[in-house]
Amino acid sequence: MDSKNVAFINQLFYKTDDGRYLAYWPKGYRGPKSTLQSRNSLIGNFTENWVCNLFNALIDDENLHVVRQARIPSLGITSRSPADIVIATEDKKVLKPGEVKVIFEVKMSLVWNWQYDVDSEEIREVGDFRTHQGKPSFTRSDSILKAIGKCIDIRVSNFESSKIPIIVLGNAPLSNGFSKKADHLKSAGIIQGFWSLNPFPLNHGNTRKSTPKRGFVRFDNTDELRLHLNRLFDNDLNFFSGMENSEVLGKYIEMANMEESYENKGLKFLNLIKGS
């Protein structure tokens, strides 16, 4: 990437006390430090566009469209907090829930440390995230918690969200402290997965491929990603939640079981749960 085409150097790189321009403060750095807030939106715009281009290249169905910064008013997704990426059956910014196939929240950032050379105007990598002080993408607890909060807000906003998968996209391994939580969120139906699109985030050594229940998955190639996308499109998913005593649940099961087909039994049970 030619950083000068994206922003000014001082918006993307820190300047160390010895005159180097670095994406992150290196571990062990003892000089004066500051915090770059200006690049968050720049990186957000860049990574969302990158994801849009990737999905457009992977999706073969001409009836599906990749929409960035989409709004779904009935689900509380407005211009104040739009969906980062949506795959929908209509190519427009304002969508109805029935037009949405999947919602993606993008939580990507700079993973490696990069140094910009002023004289040559070149950028070179100087270490993976183990060598610098910043925590990228899924290794940041505040970033993960923010994504979880937004996904829960979407999921509980309206029953119309119950059929829409929600995926959080990143480009780093999931921190150990959130591995069980990712699996629990997937099992509970809140979030359908934390997906990392970075196959080799470390220069040396391995990272987690997936958690036991696949709440987190690292994709190593586009074929894997395409397969998982198609599964989302093909599956008729339904989110359901509630708290009832065993007697009421038993009645719901008995009433649902009176339907003739498995599909109708499932729909009947879901409608009873929603009405409770």
C-alpha atoms as a PDB file:
ATOM      1  CA  MET A   1       0.000   0.000   0.000  1.00  0.00           C
ATOM      2  CA  ASP A   2       1.268   3.499  -0.849  1.00  0.00           C
ATOM      3  CA  SER A   3       0.442   5.169   2.462  1.00  0.00           C
ATOM      4  CA  LYS A   4       0.742   8.653   0.979  1.00  0.00           C
ATOM      5  CA  ASN A   5      -2.305   7.927  -1.155  1.00  0.00           C
ATOM      6  CA  VAL A   6      -4.319   7.129   1.969  1.00  0.00           C
ATOM      7  CA  ALA A   7      -3.288   9.778   4.485  1.00  0.00           C
ATOM      8  CA  PHE A   8      -0.446  11.954   5.712  1.00  0.00           C
ATOM      9  CA  ILE A   9       2.498  10.119   7.242  1.00  0.00           C
ATOM     10  CA  ASN A  10       1.867  11.518  10.717  1.00  0.00           C
ATOM     11  CA  GLN A  11      -1.696  10.152  10.590  1.00  0.00           C
ATOM     12  CA  LEU A  12      -0.486   6.576  10.094  1.00  0.00           C
ATOM     13  CA  PHE A  13       2.926   6.341  11.745  1.00  0.00           C
ATOM     14  CA  TYR A  14       4.460   7.241  15.093  1.00  0.00           C
ATOM     15  CA  LYS A  15       7.763   9.093  15.053  1.00  0.00           C
ATOM     16  CA  THR A  16      10.275   7.688  17.529  1.00  0.00           C
ATOM     17  CA  ASP A  17      12.882   9.751  19.362  1.00  0.00           C
ATOM     18  CA  ASP A  18      15.528   8.486  16.921  1.00  0.00           C
ATOM     19  CA  GLY A  19      13.543   9.651  13.876  1.00  0.00           C
ATOM     20  CA  ARG A  20      11.948   6.400  12.702  1.00  0.00           C
ATOM     21  CA  TYR A  21       8.348   6.269  11.464  1.00  0.00           C
ATOM     22  CA  LEU A  22       6.652   3.139  12.852  1.00  0.00           C
ATOM     23  CA  ALA A  23       3.110   1.792  12.801  1.00  0.00           C
ATOM     24  CA  TYR A  24       3.419   0.735  16.472  1.00  0.00           C
ATOM     25  CA  TRP A  25       5.692   1.528  19.376  1.00  0.00           C
ATOM     26  CA  PRO A  26       8.146  -1.387  19.647  1.00  0.00           C
ATOM     27  CA  LYS A  27       8.287  -3.410  22.846  1.00  0.00           C
ATOM     28  CA  GLY A  28      10.957  -1.956  25.095  1.00  0.00           C
ATOM     29  CA  TYR A  29      10.680   1.542  23.614  1.00  0.00           C
ATOM     30  CA  ARG A  30      11.378   4.073  26.376  1.00  0.00           C
ATOM     31  CA  GLY A  31      11.090   7.374  24.495  1.00  0.00           C
ATOM     32  CA  PRO A  32       8.164   9.831  24.538  1.00  0.00           C
ATOM     33  CA  LYS A  33       4.933   8.326  23.193  1.00  0.00           C
ATOM     34  CA  SER A  34       1.591   9.523  21.881  1.00  0.00           C
ATOM     35  CA  THR A  35      -1.612   7.842  20.706  1.00  0.00           C
ATOM     36  CA  LEU A  36      -2.773   7.957  17.083  1.00  0.00           C
ATOM     37  CA  GLN A  37      -6.548   8.270  17.073  1.00  0.00           C
ATOM     38  CA  SER A  38      -6.727   9.670  13.550  1.00  0.00           C
ATOM     39  CA  ARG A  39      -5.936   6.428  11.780  1.00  0.00           C
ATOM     40  CA  ASN A  40      -8.784   4.343  13.259  1.00  0.00           C
ATOM     41  CA  SER A  41     -11.318   5.612  10.738  1.00  0.00           C
ATOM     42  CA  LEU A  42      -8.740   5.434   7.932  1.00  0.00           C
ATOM     43  CA  ILE A  43      -7.997   1.787   8.670  1.00  0.00           C
ATOM     44  CA  GLY A  44     -11.712   1.091   9.082  1.00  0.00           C
ATOM     45  CA  ASN A  45     -12.489   2.517   5.651  1.00  0.00           C
ATOM     46  CA  PHE A  46      -9.597   0.668   4.027  1.00  0.00           C
ATOM     47  CA  THR A  47     -10.390  -2.740   5.562  1.00  0.00           C
ATOM     48  CA  GLU A  48     -14.129  -2.483   4.826  1.00  0.00           C
ATOM     49  CA  ASN A  49     -13.383  -1.697   1.189  1.00  0.00           C
ATOM     50  CA  TRP A  50     -10.930  -4.598   1.085  1.00  0.00           C
ATOM     51  CA  VAL A  51     -13.579  -6.981   2.441  1.00  0.00           C
ATOM     52  CA  CYS A  52     -16.123  -5.680  -0.084  1.00  0.00           C
ATOM     53  CA  ASN A  53     -13.735  -6.358  -2.951  1.00  0.00           C
ATOM     54  CA  LEU A  54     -12.950  -9.838  -1.598  1.00  0.00           C
ATOM     55  CA  PHE A  55     -16.608 -10.831  -1.222  1.00  0.00           C
ATOM     56  CA  ASN A  56     -17.489  -9.438  -4.643  1.00  0.00           C
ATOM     57  CA  ALA A  57     -14.821 -11.695  -6.107  1.00  0.00           C
ATOM     58  CA  LEU A  58     -16.074 -14.767  -4.197  1.00  0.00           C
ATOM     59  CA  ILE A  59     -19.833 -14.487  -4.645  1.00  0.00           C
ATOM     60  CA  ASP A  60     -21.018 -15.912  -7.946  1.00  0.00           C
ATOM     61  CA  ASP A  61     -24.751 -15.363  -7.445  1.00  0.00           C
ATOM     62  CA  GLU A  62     -25.786 -12.307  -9.471  1.00  0.00           C
ATOM     63  CA  ASN A  63     -28.796 -11.893  -7.181  1.00  0.00           C
ATOM     64  CA  LEU A  64     -26.576 -11.190  -4.172  1.00  0.00           C
ATOM     65  CA  HIS A  65     -24.941  -7.829  -3.533  1.00  0.00           C
ATOM     66  CA  VAL A  66     -22.220  -6.671  -1.137  1.00  0.00           C
ATOM     67  CA  VAL A  67     -23.338  -3.450   0.566  1.00  0.00           C
ATOM     68  CA  ARG A  68     -21.048  -1.344   2.754  1.00  0.00           C
ATOM     69  CA  GLN A  69     -22.362   0.882   5.567  1.00  0.00           C
ATOM     70  CA  ALA A  70     -25.889  -0.478   5.158  1.00  0.00           C
ATOM     71  CA  ARG A  71     -28.830   0.685   7.214  1.00  0.00           C
ATOM     72  CA  ILE A  72     -31.649  -1.592   8.414  1.00  0.00           C
ATOM     73  CA  PRO A  73     -33.920   0.771  10.377  1.00  0.00           C
ATOM     74  CA  SER A  74     -36.319  -1.857  11.756  1.00  0.00           C
ATOM     75  CA  LEU A  75     -33.334  -3.595  13.413  1.00  0.00           C
ATOM     76  CA  GLY A  76     -32.001  -0.372  14.893  1.00  0.00           C
ATOM     77  CA  ILE A  77     -29.172  -0.231  12.330  1.00  0.00           C
ATOM     78  CA  THR A  78     -29.241   3.438  11.346  1.00  0.00           C
ATOM     79  CA  SER A  79     -26.818   6.017   9.973  1.00  0.00           C
ATOM     80  CA  ARG A  80     -25.497   6.550  13.517  1.00  0.00           C
ATOM     81  CA  SER A  81     -24.254   2.954  13.649  1.00  0.00           C
ATOM     82  CA  PRO A  82     -24.602   1.263  10.233  1.00  0.00           C
ATOM     83  CA  ALA A  83     -23.663  -2.331   9.464  1.00  0.00           C
ATOM     84  CA  ASP A  84     -20.093  -2.489   8.191  1.00  0.00           C
ATOM     85  CA  ILE A  85     -20.783  -5.044   5.442  1.00  0.00           C
ATOM     86  CA  VAL A  86     -24.056  -6.676   4.433  1.00  0.00           C
ATOM     87  CA  ILE A  87     -24.745  -9.275   1.757  1.00  0.00           C
ATOM     88  CA  ALA A  88     -28.237  -8.646   0.499  1.00  0.00           C
ATOM     89  CA  THR A  89     -30.645  -9.450  -2.302  1.00  0.00           C
ATOM     90  CA  GLU A  90     -30.953  -5.727  -3.135  1.00  0.00           C
ATOM     91  CA  ASP A  91     -28.154  -3.324  -4.066  1.00  0.00           C
ATOM     92  CA  LYS A  92     -29.130  -0.364  -1.903  1.00  0.00           C
ATOM     93  CA  LYS A  93     -28.054   1.296   1.343  1.00  0.00           C
ATOM     94  CA  VAL A  94     -31.370   1.103   3.202  1.00  0.00           C
ATOM     95  CA  LEU A  95     -32.594  -2.470   3.524  1.00  0.00           C
ATOM     96  CA  LYS A  96     -35.449  -4.476   4.981  1.00  0.00           C
ATOM     97  CA  PRO A  97     -34.565  -7.497   7.170  1.00  0.00           C
ATOM     98  CA  GLY A  98     -35.971  -9.894   4.574  1.00  0.00           C
ATOM     99  CA  GLU A  99     -33.487  -8.563   2.026  1.00  0.00           C
ATOM    100  CA  VAL A 100     -30.444  -9.281   4.216  1.00  0.00           C
ATOM    101  CA  LYS A 101     -28.621 -12.613   3.932  1.00  0.00           C
ATOM    102  CA  VAL A 102     -25.794 -11.941   6.415  1.00  0.00           C
ATOM    103  CA  ILE A 103     -24.360  -9.063   8.455  1.00  0.00           C
ATOM    104  CA  PHE A 104     -20.601  -8.625   8.962  1.00  0.00           C
ATOM    105  CA  GLU A 105     -18.926  -6.469  11.576  1.00  0.00           C
ATOM    106  CA  VAL A 106     -15.323  -5.746  10.566  1.00  0.00           C
ATOM    107  CA  LYS A 107     -12.732  -5.571  13.351  1.00  0.00           C
ATOM    108  CA  MET A 108      -9.456  -5.427  11.447  1.00  0.00           C
ATOM    109  CA  SER A 109      -6.340  -3.397  12.126  1.00  0.00           C
ATOM    110  CA  LEU A 110      -2.615  -3.250  11.457  1.00  0.00           C
ATOM    111  CA  VAL A 111      -1.213  -6.602  12.588  1.00  0.00           C
ATOM    112  CA  TRP A 112       2.498  -6.302  11.810  1.00  0.00           C
ATOM    113  CA  ASN A 113       4.727  -3.373  12.674  1.00  0.00           C
ATOM    114  CA  TRP A 114       5.755  -1.347   9.626  1.00  0.00           C
ATOM    115  CA  GLN A 115       8.491   1.233   9.145  1.00  0.00           C
ATOM    116  CA  TYR A 116       8.227   4.049   6.626  1.00  0.00           C
ATOM    117  CA  ASP A 117      11.447   5.326   5.084  1.00  0.00           C
ATOM    118  CA  VAL A 118      11.123   9.020   4.259  1.00  0.00           C
ATOM    119  CA  ASP A 119      14.001   9.082   1.763  1.00  0.00           C
ATOM    120  CA  SER A 120      13.026   6.052  -0.315  1.00  0.00           C
ATOM    121  CA  GLU A 121       9.266   6.384   0.417  1.00  0.00           C
ATOM    122  CA  GLU A 122       9.197   2.625   0.982  1.00  0.00           C
ATOM    123  CA  ILE A 123       7.511   0.619   3.723  1.00  0.00           C
ATOM    124  CA  ARG A 124       9.046  -2.500   5.218  1.00  0.00           C
ATOM    125  CA  GLU A 125       7.830  -4.927   7.841  1.00  0.00           C
ATOM    126  CA  VAL A 126       9.818  -4.920  11.086  1.00  0.00           C
ATOM    127  CA  GLY A 127       8.000  -7.530  13.198  1.00  0.00           C
ATOM    128  CA  ASP A 128       4.698  -9.298  13.876  1.00  0.00           C
ATOM    129  CA  PHE A 129       2.392  -8.317  16.731  1.00  0.00           C
ATOM    130  CA  ARG A 130       4.555 -10.070  19.319  1.00  0.00           C
ATOM    131  CA  THR A 131       7.234  -7.424  18.775  1.00  0.00           C
ATOM    132  CA  HIS A 132       5.181  -4.256  19.314  1.00  0.00           C
ATOM    133  CA  GLN A 133       3.115  -2.746  22.106  1.00  0.00           C
ATOM    134  CA  GLY A 134      -0.192  -2.449  20.251  1.00  0.00           C
ATOM    135  CA  LYS A 135      -2.826  -5.186  20.266  1.00  0.00           C
ATOM    136  CA  PRO A 136      -4.479  -5.704  16.869  1.00  0.00           C
ATOM    137  CA  SER A 137      -7.936  -6.914  15.876  1.00  0.00           C
ATOM    138  CA  PHE A 138      -9.191  -9.933  17.860  1.00  0.00           C
ATOM    139  CA  THR A 139      -6.376  -9.642  20.430  1.00  0.00           C
ATOM    140  CA  ARG A 140      -7.996  -6.450  21.795  1.00  0.00           C
ATOM    141  CA  SER A 141     -10.625  -7.097  24.469  1.00  0.00           C
ATOM    142  CA  ASP A 142     -12.253  -3.678  23.990  1.00  0.00           C
ATOM    143  CA  SER A 143     -12.662  -4.330  20.259  1.00  0.00           C
ATOM    144  CA  ILE A 144     -14.183  -7.762  20.907  1.00  0.00           C
ATOM    145  CA  LEU A 145     -16.566  -6.446  23.568  1.00  0.00           C
ATOM    146  CA  LYS A 146     -17.700  -3.620  21.292  1.00  0.00           C
ATOM    147  CA  ALA A 147     -18.455  -6.102  18.505  1.00  0.00           C
ATOM    148  CA  ILE A 148     -20.329  -8.419  20.878  1.00  0.00           C
ATOM    149  CA  GLY A 149     -22.386  -5.515  22.196  1.00  0.00           C
ATOM    150  CA  LYS A 150     -23.421  -4.395  18.724  1.00  0.00           C
ATOM    151  CA  CYS A 151     -24.294  -7.944  17.636  1.00  0.00           C
ATOM    152  CA  ILE A 152     -26.452  -8.503  20.730  1.00  0.00           C
ATOM    153  CA  ASP A 153     -28.183  -5.173  20.130  1.00  0.00           C
ATOM    154  CA  ILE A 154     -29.041  -6.289  16.580  1.00  0.00           C
ATOM    155  CA  ARG A 155     -30.145  -9.742  17.684  1.00  0.00           C
ATOM    156  CA  VAL A 156     -32.583  -8.547  20.351  1.00  0.00           C
ATOM    157  CA  SER A 157     -33.885  -5.506  18.460  1.00  0.00           C
ATOM    158  CA  ASN A 158     -36.661  -7.284  16.593  1.00  0.00           C
ATOM    159  CA  PHE A 159     -37.849 -10.807  15.810  1.00  0.00           C
ATOM    160  CA  GLU A 160     -37.075 -10.018  12.160  1.00  0.00           C
ATOM    161  CA  SER A 161     -33.372 -10.387  12.972  1.00  0.00           C
ATOM    162  CA  SER A 162     -33.835 -14.026  13.992  1.00  0.00           C
ATOM    163  CA  LYS A 163     -33.065 -15.387  10.521  1.00  0.00           C
ATOM    164  CA  ILE A 164     -29.993 -13.218   9.790  1.00  0.00           C
ATOM    165  CA  PRO A 165     -26.523 -14.652  10.551  1.00  0.00           C
ATOM    166  CA  ILE A 166     -24.082 -12.193  12.143  1.00  0.00           C
ATOM    167  CA  ILE A 167     -20.329 -12.653  11.662  1.00  0.00           C
ATOM    168  CA  VAL A 168     -17.445 -10.661  13.166  1.00  0.00           C
ATOM    169  CA  LEU A 169     -14.477 -10.433  10.765  1.00  0.00           C
ATOM    170  CA  GLY A 170     -10.915  -9.910  11.957  1.00  0.00           C
ATOM    171  CA  ASN A 171      -7.323 -10.458  10.882  1.00  0.00           C
ATOM    172  CA  ALA A 172      -5.614 -11.754  14.025  1.00  0.00           C
ATOM    173  CA  PRO A 173      -5.972 -14.727  16.377  1.00  0.00           C
ATOM    174  CA  LEU A 174      -8.701 -14.601  18.991  1.00  0.00           C
ATOM    175  CA  SER A 175      -7.300 -13.976  22.460  1.00  0.00           C
ATOM    176  CA  ASN A 176      -7.324 -16.999  24.775  1.00  0.00           C
ATOM    177  CA  GLY A 177      -9.677 -15.274  27.189  1.00  0.00           C
ATOM    178  CA  PHE A 178     -12.439 -15.043  24.571  1.00  0.00           C
ATOM    179  CA  SER A 179     -12.185 -18.516  23.026  1.00  0.00           C
ATOM    180  CA  LYS A 180     -14.831 -20.115  25.258  1.00  0.00           C
ATOM    181  CA  LYS A 181     -17.009 -17.026  24.977  1.00  0.00           C
ATOM    182  CA  ALA A 182     -16.896 -17.201  21.169  1.00  0.00           C
ATOM    183  CA  ASP A 183     -18.074 -20.825  21.284  1.00  0.00           C
ATOM    184  CA  HIS A 184     -20.806 -19.975  23.774  1.00  0.00           C
ATOM    185  CA  LEU A 185     -22.038 -17.057  21.664  1.00  0.00           C
ATOM    186  CA  LYS A 186     -22.183 -19.345  18.621  1.00  0.00           C
ATOM    187  CA  SER A 187     -23.992 -22.120  20.532  1.00  0.00           C
ATOM    188  CA  ALA A 188     -26.477 -19.564  21.891  1.00  0.00           C
ATOM    189  CA  GLY A 189     -27.093 -18.260  18.372  1.00  0.00           C
ATOM    190  CA  ILE A 190     -26.120 -14.668  19.180  1.00  0.00           C
ATOM    191  CA  ILE A 191     -23.147 -14.542  16.780  1.00  0.00           C
ATOM    192  CA  GLN A 192     -22.507 -17.164  14.109  1.00  0.00           C
ATOM    193  CA  GLY A 193     -18.736 -16.830  14.271  1.00  0.00           C
ATOM    194  CA  PHE A 194     -15.582 -14.796  14.686  1.00  0.00           C
ATOM    195  CA  TRP A 195     -13.744 -15.267  11.389  1.00  0.00           C
ATOM    196  CA  SER A 196     -10.101 -14.354  10.834  1.00  0.00           C
ATOM    197  CA  LEU A 197      -9.128 -13.742   7.212  1.00  0.00           C
ATOM    198  CA  ASN A 198      -5.396 -13.761   7.989  1.00  0.00           C
ATOM    199  CA  PRO A 199      -3.869 -17.245   7.459  1.00  0.00           C
ATOM    200  CA  PHE A 200      -0.373 -16.354   8.722  1.00  0.00           C
ATOM    201  CA  PRO A 201      -0.494 -13.595  11.374  1.00  0.00           C
ATOM    202  CA  LEU A 202       2.870 -14.617  12.846  1.00  0.00           C
ATOM    203  CA  ASN A 203       6.226 -14.634  11.073  1.00  0.00           C
ATOM    204  CA  HIS A 204       7.200 -17.799  12.953  1.00  0.00           C
ATOM    205  CA  GLY A 205       4.969 -20.225  14.835  1.00  0.00           C
ATOM    206  CA  ASN A 206       1.375 -21.376  14.592  1.00  0.00           C
ATOM    207  CA  THR A 207      -1.890 -19.849  15.719  1.00  0.00           C
ATOM    208  CA  ARG A 208      -5.262 -21.398  16.522  1.00  0.00           C
ATOM    209  CA  LYS A 209      -7.152 -22.702  13.477  1.00  0.00           C
ATOM    210  CA  SER A 210     -10.488 -22.878  15.297  1.00  0.00           C
ATOM    211  CA  THR A 211     -12.061 -23.211  18.722  1.00  0.00           C
ATOM    212  CA  PRO A 212     -13.726 -26.545  19.654  1.00  0.00           C
ATOM    213  CA  LYS A 213     -17.236 -25.443  18.603  1.00  0.00           C
ATOM    214  CA  ARG A 214     -15.929 -23.258  15.761  1.00  0.00           C
ATOM    215  CA  GLY A 215     -17.032 -20.003  17.317  1.00  0.00           C
ATOM    216  CA  PHE A 216     -13.675 -18.795  15.988  1.00  0.00           C
ATOM    217  CA  VAL A 217     -12.308 -19.945  12.633  1.00  0.00           C
ATOM    218  CA  ARG A 218      -9.149 -18.921  10.767  1.00  0.00           C
ATOM    219  CA  PHE A 219      -9.456 -19.152   6.993  1.00  0.00           C
ATOM    220  CA  ASP A 220      -6.300 -20.175   5.177  1.00  0.00           C
ATOM    221  CA  ASN A 221      -7.537 -19.705   1.607  1.00  0.00           C
ATOM    222  CA  THR A 222     -10.441 -18.310  -0.383  1.00  0.00           C
ATOM    223  CA  ASP A 223     -11.903 -21.768  -1.041  1.00  0.00           C
ATOM    224  CA  GLU A 224     -12.490 -22.241   2.695  1.00  0.00           C
ATOM    225  CA  LEU A 225     -14.090 -18.821   2.955  1.00  0.00           C
ATOM    226  CA  ARG A 226     -16.329 -19.402  -0.072  1.00  0.00           C
ATOM    227  CA  LEU A 227     -17.507 -22.726   1.396  1.00  0.00           C
ATOM    228  CA  HIS A 228     -18.489 -21.107   4.696  1.00  0.00           C
ATOM    229  CA  LEU A 229     -20.231 -18.233   2.925  1.00  0.00           C
ATOM    230  CA  ASN A 230     -22.294 -20.632   0.847  1.00  0.00           C
ATOM    231  CA  ARG A 231     -23.309 -22.524   3.989  1.00  0.00           C
ATOM    232  CA  LEU A 232     -24.625 -19.282   5.464  1.00  0.00           C
ATOM    233  CA  PHE A 233     -26.641 -18.591   2.326  1.00  0.00           C
ATOM    234  CA  ASP A 234     -28.032 -22.131   2.101  1.00  0.00           C
ATOM    235  CA  ASN A 235     -29.011 -22.695   5.723  1.00  0.00           C
ATOM    236  CA  ASP A 236     -32.434 -21.524   6.878  1.00  0.00           C
ATOM    237  CA  LEU A 237     -31.333 -20.424  10.340  1.00  0.00           C
ATOM    238  CA  ASN A 238     -33.586 -19.360  13.204  1.00  0.00           C
ATOM    239  CA  PHE A 239     -32.486 -17.645  16.388  1.00  0.00           C
ATOM    240  CA  PHE A 240     -34.562 -18.386  19.471  1.00  0.00           C
ATOM    241  CA  SER A 241     -34.203 -17.466  23.126  1.00  0.00           C
ATOM    242  CA  GLY A 242     -36.269 -17.225  26.251  1.00  0.00           C
ATOM    243  CA  MET A 243     -36.607 -18.220  29.887  1.00  0.00           C
ATOM    244  CA  GLU A 244     -39.513 -20.414  30.911  1.00  0.00           C
ATOM    245  CA  ASN A 245     -40.110 -23.082  33.519  1.00  0.00           C
ATOM    246  CA  SER A 246     -40.014 -26.740  32.552  1.00  0.00           C
ATOM    247  CA  GLU A 247     -43.801 -27.147  32.621  1.00  0.00           C
ATOM    248  CA  VAL A 248     -44.392 -24.373  30.089  1.00  0.00           C
ATOM    249  CA  LEU A 249     -41.614 -25.675  27.849  1.00  0.00           C
ATOM    250  CA  GLY A 250     -43.147 -29.135  28.034  1.00  0.00           C
ATOM    251  CA  LYS A 251     -46.500 -27.741  26.894  1.00  0.00           C
ATOM    252  CA  TYR A 252     -44.812 -25.961  23.983  1.00  0.00           C
ATOM    253  CA  ILE A 253     -43.105 -29.180  22.912  1.00  0.00           C
ATOM    254  CA  GLU A 254     -46.352 -31.118  23.130  1.00  0.00           C
ATOM    255  CA  MET A 255     -48.222 -28.495  21.081  1.00  0.00           C
ATOM    256  CA  ALA A 256     -45.465 -28.339  18.484  1.00  0.00           C
ATOM    257  CA  ASN A 257     -45.386 -32.108  18.212  1.00  0.00           C
ATOM    258  CA  MET A 258     -48.983 -32.087  16.973  1.00  0.00           C
ATOM    259  CA  GLU A 259     -47.799 -30.612  13.659  1.00  0.00           C
ATOM    260  CA  GLU A 260     -47.251 -33.093  10.827  1.00  0.00           C
ATOM    261  CA  SER A 261     -43.787 -32.271   9.465  1.00  0.00           C
ATOM    262  CA  TYR A 262     -40.492 -31.599  11.223  1.00  0.00           C
ATOM    263  CA  GLU A 263     -40.374 -28.140   9.647  1.00  0.00           C
ATOM    264  CA  ASN A 264     -43.830 -27.250  10.913  1.00  0.00           C
ATOM    265  CA  LYS A 265     -43.011 -28.652  14.356  1.00  0.00           C
ATOM    266  CA  GLY A 266     -39.956 -26.387  14.482  1.00  0.00           C
ATOM    267  CA  LEU A 267     -41.845 -23.319  13.294  1.00  0.00           C
ATOM    268  CA  LYS A 268     -44.646 -23.938  15.775  1.00  0.00           C
ATOM    269  CA  PHE A 269     -42.189 -24.223  18.666  1.00  0.00           C
ATOM    270  CA  LEU A 270     -40.368 -21.058  17.583  1.00  0.00           C
ATOM    271  CA  ASN A 271     -43.634 -19.107  17.396  1.00  0.00           C
ATOM    272  CA  LEU A 272     -44.624 -20.307  20.856  1.00  0.00           C
ATOM    273  CA  ILE A 273     -41.244 -19.289  22.265  1.00  0.00           C
ATOM    274  CA  LYS A 274     -41.492 -15.850  20.646  1.00  0.00           C
ATOM    275  CA  GLY A 275     -44.923 -15.314  22.122  1.00  0.00           C
ATOM    276  CA  SER A 276     -43.896 -16.254  25.653  1.00  0.00           C
END
